[in-house]
Every structure is written in C-alpha cells, then in structure tokens.
Amino acid sequence: MNIKEATNRALQEESLLDAITFMAIWENDRAVKQAIRNYESGERNPDGSMYDSCFRSAFQYLLSKYEQTEIDKCCKL
C-alpha cells in the first residue's frame, strides 16, 4: 500500500482522529518492516539509519485530502 492508497483507506474512517490513527499505524508498520529488512540484509540509509519515517508527510497529505473531502461535502449541500 502506498501513501495514496493508505490515505484513501484512512478517509473511510468515521472521524479525523480515526483517520490519523490509521495513518500512524500504517506508517509505523511500514517503517518497522523497513528496519527489519535492513537489519537482516545489513543495509543502511545514506545517513546510516536503518529506516526512515514519513509521519509528518503522511499526516500532511492526509490532512490536505481530508480538508478537500470536507469542502467537497459542504459544496454538495
């Protein structure tokens, strides 16, 4: 699942809090899998870390899509 798919899935949640929670779990799962994969293979990121995290980017993307979804809902009234 990529960030667009995860965001679309998160937007199906009942509230913004639930959508953010979904994104946090998704991003955490992605980062942990990357860390395990890099640990097992001995690979590192260019900065020496075993994984990267994109929480800020994931939340920003989700919030921008959530905001647009709310605007779309409002305009349909």
C-alpha atoms as a PDB file:
ATOM      1  CA  MET A   1       0.000   0.000   0.000  1.00  0.00           C
ATOM      2  CA  ASN A   2       1.387   3.403  -0.903  1.00  0.00           C
ATOM      3  CA  ILE A   3       0.567   6.747   0.709  1.00  0.00           C
ATOM      4  CA  LYS A   4      -2.276   7.488  -1.706  1.00  0.00           C
ATOM      5  CA  GLU A   5      -3.903   4.117  -1.038  1.00  0.00           C
ATOM      6  CA  ALA A   6      -3.376   4.480   2.710  1.00  0.00           C
ATOM      7  CA  THR A   7      -4.918   7.960   2.630  1.00  0.00           C
ATOM      8  CA  ASN A   8      -7.944   6.761   0.683  1.00  0.00           C
ATOM      9  CA  ARG A   9      -8.379   3.974   3.204  1.00  0.00           C
ATOM     10  CA  ALA A  10      -7.943   6.377   6.150  1.00  0.00           C
ATOM     11  CA  LEU A  11     -10.593   8.709   4.740  1.00  0.00           C
ATOM     12  CA  GLN A  12     -13.109   5.878   5.110  1.00  0.00           C
ATOM     13  CA  GLU A  13     -12.797   6.135   8.902  1.00  0.00           C
ATOM     14  CA  GLU A  14     -15.595   7.775  10.871  1.00  0.00           C
ATOM     15  CA  SER A  15     -13.604  10.722  12.213  1.00  0.00           C
ATOM     16  CA  LEU A  16     -10.449  12.699  11.602  1.00  0.00           C
ATOM     17  CA  LEU A  17      -8.961  11.220  14.770  1.00  0.00           C
ATOM     18  CA  ASP A  18      -9.589   7.704  13.475  1.00  0.00           C
ATOM     19  CA  ALA A  19      -8.116   8.636  10.081  1.00  0.00           C
ATOM     20  CA  ILE A  20      -4.954   9.991  11.724  1.00  0.00           C
ATOM     21  CA  THR A  21      -4.720   6.886  13.899  1.00  0.00           C
ATOM     22  CA  PHE A  22      -4.958   4.688  10.808  1.00  0.00           C
ATOM     23  CA  MET A  23      -2.171   6.668   9.119  1.00  0.00           C
ATOM     24  CA  ALA A  24       0.041   6.432  12.224  1.00  0.00           C
ATOM     25  CA  ILE A  25      -0.372   2.666  12.372  1.00  0.00           C
ATOM     26  CA  TRP A  26       0.224   2.335   8.628  1.00  0.00           C
ATOM     27  CA  GLU A  27       3.390   4.464   8.704  1.00  0.00           C
ATOM     28  CA  ASN A  28       4.706   2.710  11.812  1.00  0.00           C
ATOM     29  CA  ASP A  29       4.152  -0.688  10.172  1.00  0.00           C
ATOM     30  CA  ARG A  30       5.961   0.482   7.025  1.00  0.00           C
ATOM     31  CA  ALA A  31       8.944   1.823   8.988  1.00  0.00           C
ATOM     32  CA  VAL A  32       9.249  -1.304  11.152  1.00  0.00           C
ATOM     33  CA  LYS A  33       9.187  -3.552   8.079  1.00  0.00           C
ATOM     34  CA  GLN A  34      11.908  -1.413   6.509  1.00  0.00           C
ATOM     35  CA  ALA A  35      14.015  -1.598   9.684  1.00  0.00           C
ATOM     36  CA  ILE A  36      13.690  -5.386   9.861  1.00  0.00           C
ATOM     37  CA  ARG A  37      14.503  -5.761   6.166  1.00  0.00           C
ATOM     38  CA  ASN A  38      17.568  -3.513   6.507  1.00  0.00           C
ATOM     39  CA  TYR A  39      18.717  -5.260   9.687  1.00  0.00           C
ATOM     40  CA  GLU A  40      18.504  -8.664   8.033  1.00  0.00           C
ATOM     41  CA  SER A  41      20.293  -7.515   4.889  1.00  0.00           C
ATOM     42  CA  GLY A  42      22.805  -5.256   6.636  1.00  0.00           C
ATOM     43  CA  GLU A  43      21.736  -2.304   4.500  1.00  0.00           C
ATOM     44  CA  ARG A  44      21.606   1.243   5.823  1.00  0.00           C
ATOM     45  CA  ASN A  45      20.188   4.515   4.561  1.00  0.00           C
ATOM     46  CA  PRO A  46      22.739   7.074   3.320  1.00  0.00           C
ATOM     47  CA  ASP A  47      22.645   8.761   6.746  1.00  0.00           C
ATOM     48  CA  GLY A  48      23.442   5.461   8.492  1.00  0.00           C
ATOM     49  CA  SER A  49      19.954   4.831   9.823  1.00  0.00           C
ATOM     50  CA  MET A  50      18.162   1.529   9.362  1.00  0.00           C
ATOM     51  CA  TYR A  51      14.814   3.090   8.483  1.00  0.00           C
ATOM     52  CA  ASP A  52      13.164   6.376   7.670  1.00  0.00           C
ATOM     53  CA  SER A  53       9.872   7.702   8.875  1.00  0.00           C
ATOM     54  CA  CYS A  54       7.426   9.844   6.984  1.00  0.00           C
ATOM     55  CA  PHE A  55       4.893  10.606   9.717  1.00  0.00           C
ATOM     56  CA  ARG A  56       4.870  14.345   9.035  1.00  0.00           C
ATOM     57  CA  SER A  57       4.467  13.873   5.274  1.00  0.00           C
ATOM     58  CA  ALA A  58       1.803  11.197   5.739  1.00  0.00           C
ATOM     59  CA  PHE A  59      -0.192  13.383   8.129  1.00  0.00           C
ATOM     60  CA  GLN A  60       0.152  16.453   5.910  1.00  0.00           C
ATOM     61  CA  TYR A  61      -1.042  14.518   2.868  1.00  0.00           C
ATOM     62  CA  LEU A  62      -3.950  13.033   4.804  1.00  0.00           C
ATOM     63  CA  LEU A  63      -4.987  16.404   6.217  1.00  0.00           C
ATOM     64  CA  SER A  64      -4.902  18.059   2.797  1.00  0.00           C
ATOM     65  CA  LYS A  65      -7.094  15.307   1.340  1.00  0.00           C
ATOM     66  CA  TYR A  66      -9.380  15.350   4.382  1.00  0.00           C
ATOM     67  CA  GLU A  67      -9.820  19.097   4.042  1.00  0.00           C
ATOM     68  CA  GLN A  68     -10.677  18.747   0.338  1.00  0.00           C
ATOM     69  CA  THR A  69     -13.133  15.958   1.151  1.00  0.00           C
ATOM     70  CA  GLU A  70     -14.853  18.192   3.714  1.00  0.00           C
ATOM     71  CA  ILE A  71     -15.003  21.076   1.223  1.00  0.00           C
ATOM     72  CA  ASP A  72     -16.499  18.740  -1.396  1.00  0.00           C
ATOM     73  CA  LYS A  73     -19.131  17.558   1.095  1.00  0.00           C
ATOM     74  CA  CYS A  74     -20.008  21.117   2.025  1.00  0.00           C
ATOM     75  CA  CYS A  75     -20.382  22.247  -1.578  1.00  0.00           C
ATOM     76  CA  LYS A  76     -22.751  19.398  -2.386  1.00  0.00           C
ATOM     77  CA  LEU A  77     -25.297  20.609   0.164  1.00  0.00           C
END
